[in-house]
Amino acid sequence: MNATRTRAGSWRVFERRFRPVIREDGSLIWHIDEVPRPVVGREWWTVVDCNGKLYLSAGFRFVNRIGYVRCTVPWSDTDQHRDYRYD
């Protein structure tokens, strides 16, 4: 099988590296009105829709936003330039 390569990292790598928080209802995605205020730190990622595929992008984005994922491991300056597939 010939896998398609993209610049985006895989969900499995994201999950191991940043350890997303599972919510009480079993989901990962927070909606903007559910995000605690004030938002501080680098533990938030935005789930964005790009041509029908979902990706995680570091920090808060608003264009094509589906929701947010909170992680236990914060992202760094180099992580903000890399997206991950949300499979």
N, C-alpha and C. Protein backbone atom coordinates (compact mmCIF):
# COMPACT_ATOMS: atom_id res chain seq x y z
N MET A 1 0.84 -1.17 0.00
CA MET A 1 0.00 0.00 0.00
C MET A 1 0.89 1.24 0.00
N ASN A 2 0.58 2.19 -0.83
CA ASN A 2 1.36 3.40 -0.98
C ASN A 2 0.69 4.53 -0.21
N ALA A 3 1.25 4.92 0.92
CA ALA A 3 0.66 5.96 1.76
C ALA A 3 0.93 7.34 1.18
N THR A 4 -0.07 8.21 1.26
CA THR A 4 0.10 9.59 0.82
C THR A 4 0.81 10.36 1.92
N ARG A 5 1.85 11.09 1.55
CA ARG A 5 2.60 11.88 2.53
C ARG A 5 2.11 13.32 2.52
N THR A 6 1.95 13.88 3.68
CA THR A 6 1.57 15.28 3.81
C THR A 6 2.52 15.94 4.81
N ARG A 7 2.47 17.25 4.86
CA ARG A 7 3.29 17.98 5.84
C ARG A 7 2.71 17.86 7.23
N ALA A 8 1.46 17.49 7.32
CA ALA A 8 0.81 17.39 8.63
C ALA A 8 1.23 16.11 9.33
N GLY A 9 1.39 16.20 10.64
CA GLY A 9 1.71 15.03 11.43
C GLY A 9 0.48 14.16 11.64
N SER A 10 0.67 12.95 12.08
CA SER A 10 -0.45 12.03 12.29
C SER A 10 -1.11 12.26 13.64
N TRP A 11 -2.34 11.79 13.74
CA TRP A 11 -3.07 11.87 15.00
C TRP A 11 -2.34 11.09 16.08
N ARG A 12 -1.83 9.93 15.74
CA ARG A 12 -1.15 9.09 16.72
C ARG A 12 0.06 9.80 17.33
N VAL A 13 0.83 10.50 16.50
CA VAL A 13 1.98 11.26 17.01
C VAL A 13 1.49 12.40 17.90
N PHE A 14 0.46 13.11 17.46
CA PHE A 14 -0.11 14.20 18.26
C PHE A 14 -0.56 13.69 19.62
N GLU A 15 -1.29 12.58 19.62
CA GLU A 15 -1.83 12.01 20.85
C GLU A 15 -0.72 11.63 21.84
N ARG A 16 0.34 11.00 21.32
CA ARG A 16 1.46 10.61 22.20
C ARG A 16 2.24 11.81 22.70
N ARG A 17 2.42 12.79 21.83
CA ARG A 17 3.27 13.94 22.17
C ARG A 17 2.59 14.95 23.10
N PHE A 18 1.31 15.24 22.84
CA PHE A 18 0.64 16.32 23.57
C PHE A 18 -0.42 15.84 24.57
N ARG A 19 -0.79 14.59 24.53
CA ARG A 19 -1.76 13.98 25.44
C ARG A 19 -3.04 14.79 25.60
N PRO A 20 -3.94 14.71 24.62
CA PRO A 20 -5.21 15.44 24.70
C PRO A 20 -6.05 14.99 25.90
N VAL A 21 -6.77 15.95 26.46
CA VAL A 21 -7.63 15.72 27.62
C VAL A 21 -8.99 15.21 27.13
N ILE A 22 -9.42 14.08 27.67
CA ILE A 22 -10.74 13.55 27.35
C ILE A 22 -11.72 14.19 28.32
N ARG A 23 -12.77 14.76 27.76
CA ARG A 23 -13.78 15.44 28.58
C ARG A 23 -14.66 14.45 29.32
N GLU A 24 -15.42 14.93 30.27
CA GLU A 24 -16.31 14.06 31.05
C GLU A 24 -17.30 13.30 30.18
N ASP A 25 -17.72 13.91 29.05
CA ASP A 25 -18.67 13.24 28.16
C ASP A 25 -17.99 12.28 27.17
N GLY A 26 -16.66 12.13 27.29
CA GLY A 26 -15.92 11.20 26.43
C GLY A 26 -15.39 11.81 25.14
N SER A 27 -15.73 13.07 24.87
CA SER A 27 -15.26 13.72 23.64
C SER A 27 -13.97 14.50 23.89
N LEU A 28 -13.37 14.97 22.82
CA LEU A 28 -12.16 15.78 22.92
C LEU A 28 -12.41 17.24 22.56
N ILE A 29 -13.44 17.50 21.77
CA ILE A 29 -13.65 18.83 21.22
C ILE A 29 -14.47 19.72 22.16
N TRP A 30 -13.91 20.90 22.43
CA TRP A 30 -14.57 21.94 23.21
C TRP A 30 -15.08 22.99 22.22
N HIS A 31 -16.24 23.55 22.48
CA HIS A 31 -16.74 24.66 21.68
C HIS A 31 -16.33 25.96 22.36
N ILE A 32 -16.28 27.04 21.61
CA ILE A 32 -15.75 28.31 22.11
C ILE A 32 -16.43 28.75 23.41
N ASP A 33 -17.73 28.52 23.55
CA ASP A 33 -18.41 28.94 24.77
C ASP A 33 -18.14 28.02 25.96
N GLU A 34 -17.45 26.89 25.73
CA GLU A 34 -17.10 25.97 26.81
C GLU A 34 -15.66 26.14 27.30
N VAL A 35 -14.87 26.92 26.58
CA VAL A 35 -13.47 27.12 26.94
C VAL A 35 -13.40 28.02 28.16
N PRO A 36 -12.73 27.57 29.23
CA PRO A 36 -12.62 28.38 30.45
C PRO A 36 -11.93 29.72 30.18
N ARG A 37 -12.39 30.75 30.85
CA ARG A 37 -11.80 32.08 30.71
C ARG A 37 -11.10 32.46 32.00
N PRO A 38 -10.04 33.20 32.02
CA PRO A 38 -9.26 33.58 30.84
C PRO A 38 -8.44 32.40 30.33
N VAL A 39 -8.19 32.41 29.03
CA VAL A 39 -7.40 31.35 28.43
C VAL A 39 -5.93 31.74 28.54
N VAL A 40 -5.17 30.90 29.22
CA VAL A 40 -3.73 31.13 29.36
C VAL A 40 -3.01 29.84 29.03
N GLY A 41 -1.77 29.96 28.64
CA GLY A 41 -0.98 28.78 28.35
C GLY A 41 -1.08 28.33 26.90
N ARG A 42 -0.36 27.30 26.62
CA ARG A 42 -0.26 26.79 25.26
C ARG A 42 -0.81 25.37 25.14
N GLU A 43 -1.82 25.08 25.93
CA GLU A 43 -2.36 23.73 25.89
C GLU A 43 -3.54 23.57 24.93
N TRP A 44 -3.94 24.63 24.26
CA TRP A 44 -5.10 24.60 23.37
C TRP A 44 -4.70 24.50 21.91
N TRP A 45 -5.42 23.66 21.18
CA TRP A 45 -5.27 23.48 19.74
C TRP A 45 -6.63 23.70 19.09
N THR A 46 -6.64 24.23 17.87
CA THR A 46 -7.89 24.44 17.15
C THR A 46 -8.06 23.33 16.12
N VAL A 47 -9.27 22.76 16.08
CA VAL A 47 -9.63 21.80 15.04
C VAL A 47 -10.20 22.63 13.89
N VAL A 48 -9.55 22.56 12.71
CA VAL A 48 -10.00 23.34 11.56
C VAL A 48 -10.34 22.40 10.40
N ASP A 49 -11.30 22.84 9.59
CA ASP A 49 -11.71 22.10 8.40
C ASP A 49 -10.99 22.70 7.20
N CYS A 50 -10.23 21.88 6.50
CA CYS A 50 -9.51 22.32 5.30
C CYS A 50 -9.89 21.39 4.16
N ASN A 51 -10.78 21.86 3.30
CA ASN A 51 -11.24 21.07 2.16
C ASN A 51 -11.81 19.71 2.57
N GLY A 52 -12.59 19.70 3.65
CA GLY A 52 -13.24 18.49 4.09
C GLY A 52 -12.40 17.59 4.97
N LYS A 53 -11.17 17.96 5.25
CA LYS A 53 -10.31 17.19 6.15
C LYS A 53 -10.07 18.02 7.40
N LEU A 54 -9.96 17.34 8.54
CA LEU A 54 -9.78 18.04 9.81
C LEU A 54 -8.33 18.00 10.25
N TYR A 55 -7.86 19.16 10.73
CA TYR A 55 -6.49 19.30 11.20
C TYR A 55 -6.48 20.02 12.55
N LEU A 56 -5.43 19.80 13.32
CA LEU A 56 -5.20 20.49 14.58
C LEU A 56 -4.11 21.53 14.35
N SER A 57 -4.38 22.75 14.78
CA SER A 57 -3.43 23.84 14.63
C SER A 57 -3.22 24.48 16.00
N ALA A 58 -1.97 24.73 16.38
CA ALA A 58 -1.65 25.25 17.71
C ALA A 58 -2.29 26.61 17.96
N GLY A 59 -2.84 26.77 19.16
CA GLY A 59 -3.42 28.04 19.55
C GLY A 59 -4.87 28.18 19.13
N PHE A 60 -5.36 29.41 19.17
CA PHE A 60 -6.75 29.70 18.83
C PHE A 60 -6.84 30.28 17.43
N ARG A 61 -7.61 29.63 16.59
CA ARG A 61 -7.87 30.09 15.23
C ARG A 61 -9.38 30.30 15.13
N PHE A 62 -9.78 31.10 14.16
CA PHE A 62 -11.20 31.37 14.01
C PHE A 62 -11.73 31.02 12.63
N VAL A 63 -10.88 31.01 11.61
CA VAL A 63 -11.30 30.68 10.25
C VAL A 63 -11.41 29.17 10.12
N ASN A 64 -12.54 28.68 9.63
CA ASN A 64 -12.80 27.25 9.42
C ASN A 64 -12.72 26.44 10.72
N ARG A 65 -12.96 27.08 11.83
CA ARG A 65 -12.87 26.43 13.15
C ARG A 65 -14.05 25.48 13.37
N ILE A 66 -13.73 24.28 13.85
CA ILE A 66 -14.74 23.31 14.28
C ILE A 66 -14.88 23.36 15.80
N GLY A 67 -13.76 23.45 16.49
CA GLY A 67 -13.73 23.49 17.95
C GLY A 67 -12.30 23.48 18.44
N TYR A 68 -12.12 23.17 19.72
CA TYR A 68 -10.79 23.21 20.32
C TYR A 68 -10.50 21.91 21.06
N VAL A 69 -9.21 21.56 21.14
CA VAL A 69 -8.75 20.41 21.90
C VAL A 69 -7.76 20.92 22.94
N ARG A 70 -7.95 20.47 24.18
CA ARG A 70 -7.04 20.85 25.27
C ARG A 70 -6.09 19.69 25.54
N CYS A 71 -4.81 20.00 25.75
CA CYS A 71 -3.81 18.96 25.98
C CYS A 71 -3.11 19.17 27.31
N THR A 72 -2.51 18.11 27.84
CA THR A 72 -1.78 18.22 29.10
C THR A 72 -0.35 18.70 28.86
N VAL A 73 0.17 18.49 27.66
CA VAL A 73 1.52 18.94 27.32
C VAL A 73 1.40 20.16 26.41
N PRO A 74 1.96 21.31 26.82
CA PRO A 74 1.84 22.53 26.00
C PRO A 74 2.68 22.46 24.72
N TRP A 75 2.24 23.20 23.72
CA TRP A 75 3.00 23.29 22.48
C TRP A 75 4.09 24.34 22.63
N SER A 76 5.15 24.19 21.81
CA SER A 76 6.29 25.12 21.85
C SER A 76 6.25 26.04 20.63
N ASP A 77 7.21 26.95 20.55
CA ASP A 77 7.27 27.87 19.41
C ASP A 77 7.41 27.12 18.08
N THR A 78 8.16 26.04 18.05
CA THR A 78 8.31 25.28 16.80
C THR A 78 7.05 24.50 16.46
N ASP A 79 6.26 24.12 17.46
CA ASP A 79 5.02 23.38 17.21
C ASP A 79 3.95 24.24 16.55
N GLN A 80 4.01 25.55 16.75
CA GLN A 80 2.97 26.40 16.19
C GLN A 80 3.02 26.48 14.67
N HIS A 81 4.07 25.94 14.06
CA HIS A 81 4.20 25.95 12.60
C HIS A 81 3.87 24.60 11.98
N ARG A 82 3.39 23.65 12.78
CA ARG A 82 3.08 22.32 12.28
C ARG A 82 1.65 21.97 12.63
N ASP A 83 0.94 21.42 11.67
CA ASP A 83 -0.43 20.96 11.90
C ASP A 83 -0.42 19.44 12.00
N TYR A 84 -1.47 18.91 12.60
CA TYR A 84 -1.63 17.46 12.74
C TYR A 84 -3.01 17.07 12.22
N ARG A 85 -3.10 15.90 11.61
CA ARG A 85 -4.39 15.41 11.13
C ARG A 85 -5.24 15.02 12.32
N TYR A 86 -6.52 15.33 12.25
CA TYR A 86 -7.47 14.93 13.27
C TYR A 86 -8.29 13.80 12.68
N ASP A 87 -7.80 12.56 12.83
CA ASP A 87 -8.47 11.40 12.22
C ASP A 87 -9.53 10.86 13.14
